[in-house]
N, C-alpha and C. Protein backbone atom coordinates (compact mmCIF):
# COMPACT_ATOMS: atom_id res chain seq x y z
N UNK A 1 109.74 -109.65 31.11
CA UNK A 1 109.12 -108.29 31.03
C UNK A 1 108.67 -108.23 28.76
N UNK A 2 110.29 -108.68 28.60
CA UNK A 2 110.13 -107.82 27.01
C UNK A 2 108.40 -108.70 26.63
N UNK A 3 108.31 -110.17 27.11
CA UNK A 3 107.62 -110.94 26.17
C UNK A 3 106.25 -111.01 26.63
N UNK A 4 105.71 -109.73 27.97
CA UNK A 4 104.82 -109.43 28.64
C UNK A 4 104.29 -108.49 27.32
N UNK A 5 105.07 -107.48 27.15
CA UNK A 5 104.91 -106.24 26.57
C UNK A 5 104.34 -106.74 24.74
N UNK A 6 105.06 -107.72 24.47
CA UNK A 6 104.79 -107.89 22.98
C UNK A 6 103.87 -108.59 23.25
N UNK A 7 103.18 -109.50 23.69
CA UNK A 7 102.13 -109.73 24.10
C UNK A 7 101.01 -108.97 24.57
N UNK A 8 100.90 -108.21 25.18
CA UNK A 8 100.04 -106.95 24.99
C UNK A 8 99.93 -105.94 23.98
N UNK A 9 101.04 -105.63 23.65
CA UNK A 9 100.90 -105.16 21.93
C UNK A 9 100.21 -106.22 21.09
N UNK A 10 100.37 -107.61 21.14
CA UNK A 10 99.99 -108.22 20.15
C UNK A 10 98.16 -107.53 20.44
N UNK A 11 97.72 -107.95 21.54
CA UNK A 11 96.30 -108.16 22.22
C UNK A 11 95.99 -106.87 22.15
N UNK A 12 96.77 -105.89 21.71
CA UNK A 12 95.91 -104.22 21.38
C UNK A 12 95.73 -104.02 20.50
N UNK A 13 96.39 -104.87 19.11
CA UNK A 13 96.54 -104.66 18.28
C UNK A 13 95.24 -105.32 17.54
N UNK A 14 94.73 -106.67 18.04
CA UNK A 14 94.16 -107.46 17.66
C UNK A 14 92.19 -106.65 18.06
N UNK A 15 92.15 -106.15 19.17
CA UNK A 15 91.25 -105.22 19.47
C UNK A 15 91.10 -104.11 19.09
N UNK A 16 92.17 -103.62 18.52
CA UNK A 16 92.13 -103.03 17.76
C UNK A 16 90.87 -103.10 16.33
N UNK A 17 91.87 -104.18 15.83
CA UNK A 17 91.42 -104.62 14.07
C UNK A 17 90.01 -104.90 14.75
N UNK A 18 89.50 -105.77 15.42
CA UNK A 18 88.44 -106.02 15.67
C UNK A 18 87.63 -104.96 15.70
N UNK A 19 87.95 -103.49 16.09
CA UNK A 19 87.07 -102.38 16.44
C UNK A 19 86.94 -101.86 15.44
N UNK A 20 87.76 -101.74 14.72
CA UNK A 20 87.96 -101.49 13.37
C UNK A 20 87.43 -101.63 12.10
N UNK A 21 87.28 -103.36 12.09
CA UNK A 21 86.42 -103.82 11.07
C UNK A 21 85.05 -104.13 11.58
N UNK A 22 84.57 -104.17 12.59
CA UNK A 22 83.09 -104.44 12.60
C UNK A 22 82.28 -103.54 12.47
N UNK A 23 81.27 -103.35 13.59
CA UNK A 23 80.11 -102.27 13.65
C UNK A 23 79.84 -101.12 14.96
N UNK A 24 79.57 -100.67 14.90
CA UNK A 24 78.73 -99.54 16.00
C UNK A 24 77.85 -100.12 16.98
N UNK A 25 77.80 -101.22 17.75
CA UNK A 25 76.33 -101.38 18.40
C UNK A 25 75.82 -101.06 19.36
N UNK A 26 74.77 -101.26 19.83
CA UNK A 26 73.84 -100.33 20.76
C UNK A 26 73.87 -101.62 21.99
N UNK A 27 73.69 -101.33 23.10
CA UNK A 27 73.85 -101.72 24.54
C UNK A 27 72.60 -102.60 24.50
N UNK A 28 71.56 -102.43 24.20
CA UNK A 28 70.72 -103.13 24.42
C UNK A 28 70.71 -104.19 23.51
N UNK A 29 70.27 -105.48 23.50
CA UNK A 29 69.86 -106.63 22.74
C UNK A 29 68.84 -106.69 21.93
N UNK A 30 68.37 -107.63 21.11
CA UNK A 30 67.15 -107.66 20.34
C UNK A 30 66.17 -108.63 21.06
N UNK A 31 66.63 -109.52 21.63
CA UNK A 31 65.81 -110.15 22.65
C UNK A 31 65.11 -109.79 23.69
N UNK A 32 66.16 -108.88 24.35
CA UNK A 32 65.49 -107.29 25.32
C UNK A 32 64.28 -107.00 25.24
N UNK A 33 64.63 -106.02 23.91
CA UNK A 33 63.05 -104.96 22.93
C UNK A 33 62.55 -105.69 23.29
N UNK A 34 62.25 -107.14 22.45
CA UNK A 34 61.74 -108.42 22.53
C UNK A 34 60.30 -108.42 23.32
N UNK A 35 61.02 -108.68 24.26
CA UNK A 35 60.64 -109.36 25.88
C UNK A 35 60.26 -107.57 27.14
N UNK A 36 60.76 -106.77 26.47
CA UNK A 36 60.48 -105.74 27.37
C UNK A 36 58.88 -105.32 26.66
N UNK A 37 58.88 -105.37 24.81
CA UNK A 37 57.48 -104.63 24.52
C UNK A 37 56.18 -105.78 24.62
N UNK A 38 56.96 -106.71 24.44
CA UNK A 38 55.74 -108.00 25.01
C UNK A 38 55.85 -108.79 23.16
N UNK A 39 56.39 -108.37 21.89
CA UNK A 39 55.61 -108.42 20.43
C UNK A 39 56.50 -107.87 19.94
N UNK A 40 56.35 -108.30 18.33
CA UNK A 40 57.07 -107.60 17.52
C UNK A 40 56.63 -106.31 16.77
N UNK A 41 55.63 -105.61 17.41
CA UNK A 41 55.20 -104.98 16.26
C UNK A 41 56.04 -104.09 15.90
N UNK A 42 57.41 -103.71 16.93
CA UNK A 42 58.03 -102.15 16.47
C UNK A 42 59.05 -103.46 14.99
N UNK A 43 58.92 -104.49 14.66
CA UNK A 43 59.42 -104.67 13.90
C UNK A 43 59.80 -104.09 12.57
N UNK A 44 61.17 -104.00 11.63
CA UNK A 44 60.80 -103.06 10.72
C UNK A 44 60.66 -104.13 9.38
N UNK A 45 60.34 -105.49 9.57
CA UNK A 45 59.92 -106.52 8.39
C UNK A 45 58.36 -106.48 8.98
N UNK A 46 57.23 -106.20 8.22
CA UNK A 46 56.27 -106.70 8.39
C UNK A 46 55.57 -107.44 6.81
N UNK A 47 54.97 -108.38 7.03
CA UNK A 47 54.07 -109.17 5.84
C UNK A 47 52.88 -108.62 5.21
N UNK A 48 53.19 -108.60 4.04
CA UNK A 48 52.17 -107.94 2.53
C UNK A 48 51.20 -108.85 3.08
N UNK A 49 49.64 -108.32 3.37
CA UNK A 49 48.60 -109.25 3.54
C UNK A 49 47.60 -109.84 1.80
N UNK A 50 48.21 -108.70 1.22
CA UNK A 50 47.47 -109.22 -0.25
C UNK A 50 48.87 -109.47 -1.15
N UNK A 51 50.01 -110.07 -0.97
CA UNK A 51 50.36 -111.15 -2.26
C UNK A 51 51.23 -112.46 -1.48
N UNK A 52 52.52 -112.11 -1.37
CA UNK A 52 53.31 -112.55 -0.74
C UNK A 52 53.48 -112.76 0.81
N UNK A 53 53.65 -114.13 1.08
CA UNK A 53 53.91 -114.05 2.36
C UNK A 53 54.71 -113.62 3.43
N UNK A 54 55.76 -113.75 2.61
CA UNK A 54 56.88 -113.65 3.14
C UNK A 54 58.25 -112.35 2.73
N UNK A 55 56.85 -111.28 1.97
CA UNK A 55 57.34 -110.00 1.45
C UNK A 55 58.05 -109.46 2.58
N UNK A 56 58.76 -108.67 3.05
CA UNK A 56 59.09 -107.85 3.62
C UNK A 56 59.02 -106.05 3.34
N UNK A 57 58.50 -105.70 4.17
CA UNK A 57 58.07 -104.43 4.10
C UNK A 57 58.43 -103.19 4.76
N UNK A 58 58.99 -102.16 3.95
CA UNK A 58 59.82 -101.02 4.71
C UNK A 58 58.43 -100.46 5.31
N UNK A 59 58.95 -100.09 7.13
CA UNK A 59 58.12 -98.83 8.04
C UNK A 59 58.33 -97.64 7.83
N UNK A 60 57.08 -96.68 7.29
CA UNK A 60 57.18 -95.25 7.07
C UNK A 60 57.45 -94.58 7.52
N UNK A 61 58.47 -93.10 7.76
CA UNK A 61 58.27 -92.66 8.84
C UNK A 61 58.81 -91.35 9.09
N UNK A 62 58.68 -90.28 9.47
CA UNK A 62 59.18 -89.00 9.11
C UNK A 62 59.83 -88.41 9.80
N UNK A 63 60.93 -87.30 9.18
CA UNK A 63 61.98 -87.18 10.09
C UNK A 63 62.20 -85.92 9.80
N UNK A 64 63.04 -85.21 10.32
CA UNK A 64 63.77 -83.66 9.46
C UNK A 64 64.82 -83.95 8.55
N UNK A 65 65.02 -83.11 7.89
CA UNK A 65 66.05 -82.72 7.38
C UNK A 65 66.86 -82.39 8.04
N UNK A 66 68.31 -82.13 6.68
CA UNK A 66 69.53 -81.12 7.10
C UNK A 66 69.34 -79.62 7.76
N UNK A 67 68.23 -79.63 6.64
CA UNK A 67 67.16 -78.05 6.60
C UNK A 67 66.25 -77.61 7.76
N UNK A 68 65.88 -78.90 8.09
CA UNK A 68 64.78 -78.44 8.80
C UNK A 68 63.31 -79.27 8.63
N UNK A 69 63.78 -79.73 7.03
CA UNK A 69 61.72 -79.90 6.70
C UNK A 69 61.52 -81.47 7.02
N UNK A 70 60.28 -81.43 7.20
CA UNK A 70 59.82 -82.79 7.77
C UNK A 70 59.91 -83.56 6.42
N UNK A 71 60.82 -85.08 6.45
CA UNK A 71 60.38 -85.80 4.88
C UNK A 71 60.28 -87.14 5.38
N UNK A 72 59.50 -88.10 4.80
CA UNK A 72 58.86 -89.10 4.87
C UNK A 72 59.51 -89.91 4.26
N UNK A 73 60.16 -91.19 4.72
CA UNK A 73 60.44 -92.10 3.95
C UNK A 73 59.73 -92.25 2.30
N UNK A 74 58.44 -92.41 2.47
CA UNK A 74 57.64 -93.63 1.69
C UNK A 74 57.88 -92.50 0.92
N UNK A 75 57.81 -90.97 0.78
CA UNK A 75 58.12 -90.37 -0.25
C UNK A 75 59.42 -90.33 -1.07
N UNK A 76 60.34 -90.23 -0.59
CA UNK A 76 61.71 -90.72 -0.80
C UNK A 76 62.32 -91.98 -1.86
N UNK A 77 61.05 -92.73 -1.14
CA UNK A 77 60.83 -94.15 -1.98
C UNK A 77 60.32 -94.25 -2.92
N UNK A 78 59.21 -93.38 -3.07
CA UNK A 78 58.21 -93.56 -4.60
C UNK A 78 59.01 -92.50 -5.51
N UNK A 79 60.23 -92.19 -5.59
CA UNK A 79 60.69 -91.23 -6.17
C UNK A 79 62.00 -91.77 -7.15
N UNK A 80 62.63 -93.23 -6.56
CA UNK A 80 63.23 -94.43 -6.94
C UNK A 80 62.75 -95.22 -7.57
N UNK A 81 63.89 -95.87 -8.22
CA UNK A 81 63.58 -96.74 -8.79
C UNK A 81 64.15 -97.88 -7.18
N UNK A 82 65.42 -97.62 -6.92
CA UNK A 82 65.47 -98.31 -5.84
C UNK A 82 65.99 -97.19 -4.99
N UNK A 83 65.66 -97.62 -3.37
CA UNK A 83 66.56 -96.49 -2.37
C UNK A 83 67.45 -97.28 -1.45
N UNK A 84 68.40 -96.94 -1.20
CA UNK A 84 69.06 -97.35 0.42
C UNK A 84 68.63 -96.86 1.22
N UNK A 85 68.11 -97.30 2.12
CA UNK A 85 68.15 -96.61 3.85
C UNK A 85 69.55 -96.99 4.43
N UNK A 86 70.21 -96.21 5.14
CA UNK A 86 71.39 -96.21 5.83
C UNK A 86 71.41 -95.71 7.15
N UNK A 87 71.41 -96.26 7.68
CA UNK A 87 71.46 -95.85 9.77
C UNK A 87 73.06 -96.01 9.75
N UNK A 88 73.61 -94.38 10.33
CA UNK A 88 75.26 -94.19 11.01
C UNK A 88 75.45 -93.27 11.19
N UNK A 89 75.93 -92.91 11.75
CA UNK A 89 76.55 -91.64 12.73
C UNK A 89 78.07 -91.22 12.80
N UNK A 90 78.03 -90.14 13.32
CA UNK A 90 79.27 -89.32 12.91
C UNK A 90 80.70 -90.20 13.39
N UNK A 91 80.10 -90.45 14.54
CA UNK A 91 81.03 -91.29 15.88
C UNK A 91 81.19 -92.25 15.24
N UNK A 92 81.39 -93.38 14.11
CA UNK A 92 81.03 -94.72 13.75
C UNK A 92 81.89 -94.91 12.96
N UNK A 93 83.14 -95.93 13.31
CA UNK A 93 84.19 -95.41 12.52
C UNK A 93 83.99 -96.40 10.95
N UNK A 94 82.98 -97.11 11.36
CA UNK A 94 82.72 -98.31 10.74
C UNK A 94 81.99 -97.73 9.24
N UNK A 95 81.09 -96.78 9.51
CA UNK A 95 80.15 -96.27 9.05
C UNK A 95 80.91 -94.90 7.99
N UNK A 96 81.85 -94.07 8.62
CA UNK A 96 82.89 -93.49 8.14
C UNK A 96 83.91 -94.64 6.67
N UNK A 97 84.34 -95.18 7.30
CA UNK A 97 84.99 -96.10 6.36
C UNK A 97 83.99 -96.46 5.06
N UNK A 98 82.77 -96.66 5.48
CA UNK A 98 81.79 -97.08 4.28
C UNK A 98 80.88 -95.89 3.26
N UNK A 99 81.39 -94.74 3.68
CA UNK A 99 81.11 -93.70 3.06
C UNK A 99 81.46 -93.50 1.50
N UNK A 100 82.51 -93.78 1.72
CA UNK A 100 83.86 -93.64 0.21
C UNK A 100 82.69 -94.26 -0.75
N UNK A 101 82.39 -95.94 -0.28
CA UNK A 101 81.44 -96.49 -0.83
C UNK A 101 80.21 -96.07 -0.81
N UNK A 102 79.66 -95.70 -0.37
CA UNK A 102 77.99 -94.93 -0.91
C UNK A 102 78.28 -93.62 -1.20
N UNK A 103 78.95 -93.06 -1.48
CA UNK A 103 79.21 -91.91 -2.66
C UNK A 103 79.63 -92.21 -3.85
N UNK A 104 80.50 -93.29 -3.98
CA UNK A 104 80.97 -94.03 -5.80
C UNK A 104 79.21 -94.43 -5.94
N UNK A 105 78.44 -95.69 -5.16
CA UNK A 105 77.39 -96.32 -5.91
C UNK A 105 76.47 -94.52 -5.91
N UNK A 106 76.53 -93.35 -5.22
CA UNK A 106 75.84 -92.62 -5.41
C UNK A 106 75.82 -91.87 -6.91
N UNK A 107 77.15 -91.66 -7.23
CA UNK A 107 77.35 -91.11 -8.02
C UNK A 107 77.18 -91.71 -9.45
N UNK A 108 77.72 -93.24 -9.54
CA UNK A 108 77.17 -94.08 -10.51
C UNK A 108 75.86 -93.97 -10.60
N UNK A 109 74.92 -94.56 -9.48
CA UNK A 109 73.78 -94.85 -9.85
C UNK A 109 72.47 -93.91 -9.60
N UNK A 110 72.85 -92.72 -9.02
CA UNK A 110 72.06 -91.86 -8.91
C UNK A 110 71.28 -90.92 -9.30
N UNK A 111 71.90 -90.72 -11.45
CA UNK A 111 71.06 -90.66 -11.80
C UNK A 111 70.04 -91.41 -13.01
N UNK A 112 69.97 -93.30 -12.44
CA UNK A 112 69.57 -94.06 -12.93
C UNK A 112 68.54 -94.29 -12.22
N UNK A 113 68.42 -93.81 -10.96
CA UNK A 113 66.77 -94.26 -10.62
C UNK A 113 67.34 -94.80 -8.83
N UNK A 114 68.49 -94.31 -8.58
CA UNK A 114 68.79 -94.97 -6.72
C UNK A 114 68.76 -93.75 -6.21
N UNK A 115 67.95 -93.91 -5.33
CA UNK A 115 68.01 -92.93 -4.05
C UNK A 115 68.70 -93.54 -2.84
N UNK A 116 69.15 -92.18 -1.74
CA UNK A 116 69.53 -92.84 -0.48
C UNK A 116 69.23 -91.71 0.67
N UNK A 117 68.86 -92.46 1.80
CA UNK A 117 68.16 -92.07 3.14
C UNK A 117 68.90 -92.17 4.09
N UNK A 118 69.53 -91.01 4.08
CA UNK A 118 70.47 -91.44 5.75
C UNK A 118 70.00 -91.19 6.63
N UNK A 119 70.23 -92.20 7.24
CA UNK A 119 69.09 -91.87 9.19
C UNK A 119 70.60 -91.98 10.11
N UNK A 120 71.12 -90.45 10.26
CA UNK A 120 72.13 -90.76 11.10
C UNK A 120 71.56 -90.86 12.79
N UNK A 121 72.47 -91.15 13.76
CA UNK A 121 72.07 -91.60 15.23
C UNK A 121 73.36 -91.03 15.67
N UNK A 122 73.14 -89.47 15.44
CA UNK A 122 73.89 -88.77 16.29
C UNK A 122 73.06 -88.13 17.02
N UNK A 123 73.91 -87.19 18.14
CA UNK A 123 72.46 -86.82 19.21
C UNK A 123 73.22 -84.94 19.33
N UNK A 124 74.21 -85.09 18.49
CA UNK A 124 74.85 -83.75 18.59
C UNK A 124 74.52 -82.92 16.95
N UNK A 125 73.74 -81.75 16.87
CA UNK A 125 73.77 -81.61 15.14
C UNK A 125 74.70 -80.85 14.84
N UNK A 126 75.35 -80.21 15.76
CA UNK A 126 76.82 -79.80 14.91
C UNK A 126 77.71 -81.14 14.38
N UNK A 127 78.03 -82.07 14.57
CA UNK A 127 78.85 -83.61 14.18
C UNK A 127 77.91 -84.07 13.16
N UNK A 128 76.63 -84.09 13.32
CA UNK A 128 75.94 -84.51 12.26
C UNK A 128 75.83 -83.30 10.96
N UNK A 129 75.92 -82.76 11.54
CA UNK A 129 75.74 -81.45 9.66
C UNK A 129 77.08 -81.34 9.47
N UNK A 130 78.00 -81.13 10.25
CA UNK A 130 79.32 -81.08 9.95
C UNK A 130 80.21 -82.37 9.28
N UNK A 131 79.66 -83.67 9.41
CA UNK A 131 80.12 -85.14 8.79
C UNK A 131 79.58 -84.76 7.33
N UNK A 132 77.79 -84.35 7.36
CA UNK A 132 77.20 -84.45 6.11
C UNK A 132 78.16 -83.80 5.10
N UNK A 133 77.92 -82.62 5.63
CA UNK A 133 79.30 -80.98 4.92
C UNK A 133 80.96 -81.66 4.64
N UNK A 134 81.15 -81.68 5.91
CA UNK A 134 82.63 -83.17 5.16
C UNK A 134 82.83 -83.75 4.25
N UNK A 135 81.85 -84.98 4.44
CA UNK A 135 82.40 -85.90 3.19
C UNK A 135 81.11 -85.60 2.33
N UNK A 136 80.66 -84.74 2.43
CA UNK A 136 79.82 -84.17 0.80
C UNK A 136 79.12 -84.98 0.20
N UNK A 137 78.16 -85.67 1.00
CA UNK A 137 77.21 -86.19 1.45
C UNK A 137 76.19 -85.72 0.86
N UNK A 138 75.71 -86.21 -0.90
CA UNK A 138 74.49 -85.34 -1.39
C UNK A 138 73.40 -85.79 -1.65
N UNK A 139 72.70 -86.85 -0.64
CA UNK A 139 71.36 -87.48 -0.58
C UNK A 139 70.91 -87.15 0.41
N UNK A 140 69.48 -87.02 0.20
CA UNK A 140 68.73 -86.91 1.53
C UNK A 140 69.23 -87.50 2.85
N UNK A 141 69.34 -86.34 4.14
CA UNK A 141 70.32 -87.09 5.38
C UNK A 141 68.65 -86.38 6.44
N UNK A 142 68.46 -87.31 7.23
CA UNK A 142 67.61 -87.24 8.66
C UNK A 142 68.31 -87.47 9.27
N UNK A 143 67.41 -87.22 10.57
CA UNK A 143 67.85 -87.13 11.95
C UNK A 143 66.92 -86.82 13.24
N UNK A 144 66.78 -87.35 14.57
CA UNK A 144 65.97 -86.76 15.38
C UNK A 144 66.95 -86.68 16.81
N UNK A 145 68.26 -86.54 16.20
CA UNK A 145 69.58 -86.41 16.86
C UNK A 145 69.06 -87.03 18.61
N UNK A 146 68.09 -88.30 18.78
CA UNK A 146 68.27 -88.82 19.54
C UNK A 146 69.31 -90.11 19.93
N UNK A 147 70.10 -90.51 18.83
CA UNK A 147 71.21 -91.52 19.23
C UNK A 147 70.64 -92.91 19.32
N UNK A 148 70.97 -94.07 20.14
CA UNK A 148 70.40 -95.32 20.20
C UNK A 148 68.69 -95.17 20.17
N UNK A 149 68.56 -94.08 21.47
CA UNK A 149 66.87 -93.99 21.40
C UNK A 149 66.42 -93.41 20.78
N UNK A 150 66.62 -93.36 19.10
CA UNK A 150 65.50 -92.83 17.82
C UNK A 150 64.82 -93.86 18.10
N UNK A 151 63.36 -93.43 17.77
CA UNK A 151 62.72 -94.75 17.69
C UNK A 151 62.35 -94.53 16.51
N UNK A 152 63.09 -93.87 15.31
CA UNK A 152 62.99 -95.19 13.92
C UNK A 152 64.06 -96.06 13.97
N UNK A 153 65.28 -95.77 14.78
CA UNK A 153 65.79 -96.75 15.26
C UNK A 153 65.67 -98.21 15.59
N UNK A 154 64.75 -98.05 16.83
CA UNK A 154 64.23 -98.80 17.48
C UNK A 154 63.30 -99.60 16.60
N UNK A 155 62.46 -98.85 15.35
CA UNK A 155 61.33 -99.58 14.71
C UNK A 155 62.00 -100.29 14.10
N UNK A 156 63.45 -99.85 13.04
CA UNK A 156 63.95 -101.10 12.46
C UNK A 156 65.32 -101.78 12.95
N UNK A 157 64.44 -101.73 14.35
CA UNK A 157 65.40 -102.74 15.13
C UNK A 157 67.07 -102.73 15.21
N UNK A 158 67.42 -101.52 14.84
CA UNK A 158 69.30 -101.27 14.14
C UNK A 158 69.76 -101.58 15.44
N UNK A 159 70.13 -103.13 15.99
CA UNK A 159 71.49 -102.99 16.80
C UNK A 159 73.28 -102.76 16.69
N UNK A 160 73.13 -101.93 15.29
CA UNK A 160 74.56 -101.64 14.71
C UNK A 160 74.23 -101.29 13.74
N UNK A 161 75.23 -100.57 13.77
CA UNK A 161 75.75 -99.42 12.10
C UNK A 161 77.39 -99.52 11.69
N UNK A 162 77.15 -99.18 10.36
CA UNK A 162 76.31 -99.39 9.82
C UNK A 162 75.23 -100.03 9.23
N UNK A 163 74.00 -99.83 9.29
CA UNK A 163 72.94 -100.84 9.00
C UNK A 163 72.33 -100.26 7.84
N UNK A 164 72.19 -101.14 7.00
CA UNK A 164 71.85 -100.94 5.03
C UNK A 164 70.31 -101.38 5.00
N UNK A 165 69.60 -100.76 4.47
CA UNK A 165 68.61 -101.80 3.52
C UNK A 165 68.53 -101.14 2.39
N UNK A 166 68.02 -101.57 0.73
CA UNK A 166 68.04 -101.58 -0.06
C UNK A 166 66.41 -102.14 -0.36
N UNK A 167 65.29 -100.69 -0.48
CA UNK A 167 64.06 -100.81 -1.04
C UNK A 167 63.75 -100.40 -2.60
N UNK A 168 62.78 -101.47 -2.50
CA UNK A 168 62.02 -100.86 -4.59
C UNK A 168 61.09 -99.70 -3.76
N UNK A 169 60.70 -99.69 -5.57
CA UNK A 169 60.13 -98.40 -5.38
C UNK A 169 58.78 -99.20 -4.87
N UNK A 170 58.41 -99.86 -4.46
CA UNK A 170 56.68 -100.28 -4.33
C UNK A 170 56.92 -100.10 -2.56
N UNK A 171 58.12 -100.01 -1.93
CA UNK A 171 58.35 -100.25 -0.37
C UNK A 171 58.29 -101.72 0.26
N UNK A 172 59.03 -102.30 -0.49
CA UNK A 172 59.33 -104.14 -0.38
C UNK A 172 61.00 -103.69 0.24
N UNK A 173 61.60 -104.27 1.28
CA UNK A 173 62.77 -104.51 1.47
C UNK A 173 63.88 -105.76 0.70
N UNK A 174 64.18 -105.31 -0.15
CA UNK A 174 64.87 -106.34 -1.42
C UNK A 174 66.20 -107.04 -0.67
N UNK A 175 66.67 -106.12 -0.17
CA UNK A 175 68.34 -106.44 0.63
C UNK A 175 68.31 -105.83 2.26
N UNK A 176 68.92 -106.79 2.60
CA UNK A 176 69.61 -106.24 4.18
C UNK A 176 70.52 -106.45 5.04
N UNK A 177 71.05 -105.54 5.57
CA UNK A 177 72.56 -105.53 6.13
C UNK A 177 73.42 -105.68 5.72
N UNK A 178 73.49 -105.26 4.24
CA UNK A 178 74.78 -105.45 3.11
C UNK A 178 75.79 -104.15 2.70
N UNK A 179 76.63 -104.73 2.35
CA UNK A 179 77.71 -103.17 2.13
C UNK A 179 78.79 -103.04 1.86
N UNK A 180 79.77 -102.36 1.18
CA UNK A 180 80.58 -102.46 0.65
C UNK A 180 80.33 -102.79 -1.13
N UNK A 181 81.45 -103.86 -1.60
CA UNK A 181 81.11 -104.30 -2.64
C UNK A 181 79.79 -105.21 -3.22
N UNK A 182 79.33 -105.73 -1.99
CA UNK A 182 78.15 -106.13 -2.37
C UNK A 182 77.02 -105.98 -2.49
N UNK A 183 77.06 -104.55 -1.87
CA UNK A 183 76.33 -103.26 -2.23
C UNK A 183 75.69 -102.98 -3.30
N UNK A 184 77.68 -102.92 -4.17
CA UNK A 184 77.33 -101.72 -4.85
C UNK A 184 76.92 -103.15 -6.45
N UNK A 185 77.46 -104.07 -6.14
CA UNK A 185 76.91 -105.20 -7.41
C UNK A 185 75.57 -106.04 -7.07
N UNK A 186 74.67 -104.96 -5.72
CA UNK A 186 73.09 -105.53 -5.61
C UNK A 186 72.69 -104.28 -6.27
N UNK A 187 73.17 -103.06 -6.29
CA UNK A 187 72.45 -101.96 -6.97
C UNK A 187 73.08 -102.26 -8.35
N UNK A 188 73.73 -102.84 -8.88
CA UNK A 188 73.95 -102.80 -9.85
C UNK A 188 73.36 -103.58 -10.83
N UNK A 189 73.27 -104.75 -10.31
CA UNK A 189 71.99 -105.67 -10.99
C UNK A 189 70.70 -105.61 -10.71
N UNK A 190 70.16 -104.63 -9.96
CA UNK A 190 68.76 -104.69 -9.74
C UNK A 190 68.31 -103.00 -10.27
N UNK A 191 68.88 -102.55 -10.78
CA UNK A 191 68.74 -100.90 -10.64
C UNK A 191 68.37 -100.82 -12.10
N UNK A 192 68.80 -101.41 -12.73
CA UNK A 192 68.51 -101.58 -14.70
C UNK A 192 66.20 -102.08 -14.95
């Protein structure tokens, strides 16, 4: 009996660790979405027909900010040398664990040309706004409060959060799905 209890405790600790260091995932996978639409039109990445074939360009969108003002991604991108686009939610533990890093990066580079646009996948206005306030998130925060059903998250093919993109002033996606130390080093190298 004691051996089974010990095995169960080890198994439960392992599962907890997997959830703690992983990401918050959607239940619909990428291939299912593509087969339902029959195309990749909603893909975040598009080809720039003018110059480089493999250049990835961000898709513009408009969402309401925390004050109810309609904000365009590209209007924010045009103001900054670099813009971090961060998909997150208040209920996502890995997202909350990443927030101190995002705050640190914003505090270090916000006055050097870095902007951040947070897109919350919350469906509760109270949870979204409460988290922004309690965590002291000073950058642009947007949401349509539709959770995983957000058309913006679907356009960007967000499968798990936190999902972070770095966009240059021209709208080119120059880094995808990076966080932590890797994100900070990337910003430090590319902000100058």
